[in-house]
Amino acid sequence: MIRVELYEGARQIAGVATLDVEAATLGEALDAVRARHPELEPRVLVPGGLAPHWRASVGGRRFVEDPATPLADGETVLLVSALAGG
């Protein structure tokens, strides 16, 4: 099980902060999120990945873009806006 945490606009659009999905890769996780919350397309999710200005962080340790990035059971993927600043 992969936990996906939504931040900023993604959280507002979907109306949820977290989702648990079955996925072995980043792409599978994003597809599962899109299936449950199609309203995230096209502003946050697009076919094959994330919309421009959105990033995925695995466990808050590293940012990844490749949909083939493997995910271990129990990992957390954070979806954050690259425009949010810091």
C-alpha atoms as a PDB file:
ATOM      1  CA  MET A   1       0.000   0.000   0.000  1.00  0.00           C
ATOM      2  CA  ILE A   2       1.267   3.463  -0.919  1.00  0.00           C
ATOM      3  CA  ARG A   3       0.078   6.587   0.879  1.00  0.00           C
ATOM      4  CA  VAL A   4      -0.321   9.648  -1.360  1.00  0.00           C
ATOM      5  CA  GLU A   5      -0.438  13.005   0.409  1.00  0.00           C
ATOM      6  CA  LEU A   6      -1.962  15.943  -1.462  1.00  0.00           C
ATOM      7  CA  TYR A   7      -0.827  19.489  -0.770  1.00  0.00           C
ATOM      8  CA  GLU A   8      -1.887  22.995  -1.810  1.00  0.00           C
ATOM      9  CA  GLY A   9      -4.320  23.122  -4.720  1.00  0.00           C
ATOM     10  CA  ALA A  10      -4.433  19.347  -5.155  1.00  0.00           C
ATOM     11  CA  ARG A  11      -5.878  18.991  -1.664  1.00  0.00           C
ATOM     12  CA  GLN A  12      -8.444  21.727  -2.343  1.00  0.00           C
ATOM     13  CA  ILE A  13      -9.492  20.244  -5.685  1.00  0.00           C
ATOM     14  CA  ALA A  14      -9.810  16.644  -4.457  1.00  0.00           C
ATOM     15  CA  GLY A  15     -11.196  17.541  -1.050  1.00  0.00           C
ATOM     16  CA  VAL A  16      -8.917  15.015   0.671  1.00  0.00           C
ATOM     17  CA  ALA A  17      -5.449  15.198   2.196  1.00  0.00           C
ATOM     18  CA  THR A  18      -4.390  11.555   1.810  1.00  0.00           C
ATOM     19  CA  LEU A  19      -5.224   8.464  -0.198  1.00  0.00           C
ATOM     20  CA  ASP A  20      -3.984   4.903   0.164  1.00  0.00           C
ATOM     21  CA  VAL A  21      -3.481   3.142  -3.170  1.00  0.00           C
ATOM     22  CA  GLU A  22      -2.063  -0.138  -4.433  1.00  0.00           C
ATOM     23  CA  ALA A  23       0.914   0.647  -6.666  1.00  0.00           C
ATOM     24  CA  ALA A  24       4.397  -0.616  -7.478  1.00  0.00           C
ATOM     25  CA  THR A  25       5.541   2.489  -9.365  1.00  0.00           C
ATOM     26  CA  LEU A  26       4.994   6.238  -9.314  1.00  0.00           C
ATOM     27  CA  GLY A  27       2.960   5.989 -12.524  1.00  0.00           C
ATOM     28  CA  GLU A  28       0.659   3.363 -11.034  1.00  0.00           C
ATOM     29  CA  ALA A  29       0.172   5.501  -7.933  1.00  0.00           C
ATOM     30  CA  LEU A  30      -0.697   8.565 -10.017  1.00  0.00           C
ATOM     31  CA  ASP A  31      -3.090   6.519 -12.165  1.00  0.00           C
ATOM     32  CA  ALA A  32      -4.828   5.241  -9.025  1.00  0.00           C
ATOM     33  CA  VAL A  33      -5.191   8.777  -7.689  1.00  0.00           C
ATOM     34  CA  ARG A  34      -6.542   9.959 -11.060  1.00  0.00           C
ATOM     35  CA  ALA A  35      -9.073   7.092 -11.115  1.00  0.00           C
ATOM     36  CA  ARG A  36     -10.416   8.062  -7.689  1.00  0.00           C
ATOM     37  CA  HIS A  37     -10.250  11.824  -8.235  1.00  0.00           C
ATOM     38  CA  PRO A  38     -10.626  12.609 -11.955  1.00  0.00           C
ATOM     39  CA  GLU A  39     -11.201  16.254 -11.034  1.00  0.00           C
ATOM     40  CA  LEU A  40      -7.407  16.546 -10.562  1.00  0.00           C
ATOM     41  CA  GLU A  41      -6.956  16.311 -14.332  1.00  0.00           C
ATOM     42  CA  PRO A  42      -5.582  18.406 -16.051  1.00  0.00           C
ATOM     43  CA  ARG A  43      -4.491  20.900 -13.391  1.00  0.00           C
ATOM     44  CA  VAL A  44      -2.520  18.425 -11.238  1.00  0.00           C
ATOM     45  CA  LEU A  45      -2.419  15.133 -13.140  1.00  0.00           C
ATOM     46  CA  VAL A  46      -2.070  14.487 -16.853  1.00  0.00           C
ATOM     47  CA  PRO A  47      -1.852  11.204 -18.754  1.00  0.00           C
ATOM     48  CA  GLY A  48       1.529   9.726 -17.995  1.00  0.00           C
ATOM     49  CA  GLY A  49       2.368  11.852 -14.975  1.00  0.00           C
ATOM     50  CA  LEU A  50       2.087  15.221 -13.317  1.00  0.00           C
ATOM     51  CA  ALA A  51       0.991  18.514 -14.821  1.00  0.00           C
ATOM     52  CA  PRO A  52       3.631  21.226 -15.220  1.00  0.00           C
ATOM     53  CA  HIS A  53       4.584  22.864 -11.920  1.00  0.00           C
ATOM     54  CA  TRP A  54       3.698  19.774  -9.870  1.00  0.00           C
ATOM     55  CA  ARG A  55       6.273  17.487  -8.298  1.00  0.00           C
ATOM     56  CA  ALA A  56       6.247  14.131  -6.551  1.00  0.00           C
ATOM     57  CA  SER A  57       8.451  13.500  -3.536  1.00  0.00           C
ATOM     58  CA  VAL A  58       9.022  10.002  -2.225  1.00  0.00           C
ATOM     59  CA  GLY A  59       8.946  10.115   1.543  1.00  0.00           C
ATOM     60  CA  GLY A  60       9.949  13.763   1.541  1.00  0.00           C
ATOM     61  CA  ARG A  61      13.510  12.638   0.740  1.00  0.00           C
ATOM     62  CA  ARG A  62      13.760  12.885  -3.019  1.00  0.00           C
ATOM     63  CA  PHE A  63      11.818  14.340  -5.911  1.00  0.00           C
ATOM     64  CA  VAL A  64      11.043  12.004  -8.798  1.00  0.00           C
ATOM     65  CA  GLU A  65       9.478  12.462 -12.224  1.00  0.00           C
ATOM     66  CA  ASP A  66       9.871   9.114 -13.974  1.00  0.00           C
ATOM     67  CA  PRO A  67       6.581   7.174 -13.853  1.00  0.00           C
ATOM     68  CA  ALA A  68       8.629   3.951 -13.789  1.00  0.00           C
ATOM     69  CA  THR A  69      10.171   4.906 -10.427  1.00  0.00           C
ATOM     70  CA  PRO A  70       9.627   1.892  -8.159  1.00  0.00           C
ATOM     71  CA  LEU A  71       7.826   2.373  -4.860  1.00  0.00           C
ATOM     72  CA  ALA A  72       8.208   0.080  -1.869  1.00  0.00           C
ATOM     73  CA  ASP A  73       5.192  -1.033   0.099  1.00  0.00           C
ATOM     74  CA  GLY A  74       4.500   1.483   2.870  1.00  0.00           C
ATOM     75  CA  GLU A  75       6.146   4.455   1.156  1.00  0.00           C
ATOM     76  CA  THR A  76       4.562   7.886   1.039  1.00  0.00           C
ATOM     77  CA  VAL A  77       4.381  10.024  -2.096  1.00  0.00           C
ATOM     78  CA  LEU A  78       3.815  13.746  -1.602  1.00  0.00           C
ATOM     79  CA  LEU A  79       2.262  15.745  -4.459  1.00  0.00           C
ATOM     80  CA  VAL A  80       3.351  19.368  -4.149  1.00  0.00           C
ATOM     81  CA  SER A  81       3.199  22.453  -6.298  1.00  0.00           C
ATOM     82  CA  ALA A  82       6.605  23.617  -7.489  1.00  0.00           C
ATOM     83  CA  LEU A  83       5.176  27.148  -7.345  1.00  0.00           C
ATOM     84  CA  ALA A  84       4.459  26.991  -3.604  1.00  0.00           C
ATOM     85  CA  GLY A  85       7.809  28.403  -2.617  1.00  0.00           C
ATOM     86  CA  GLY A  86       9.555  27.591   0.580  1.00  0.00           C
END
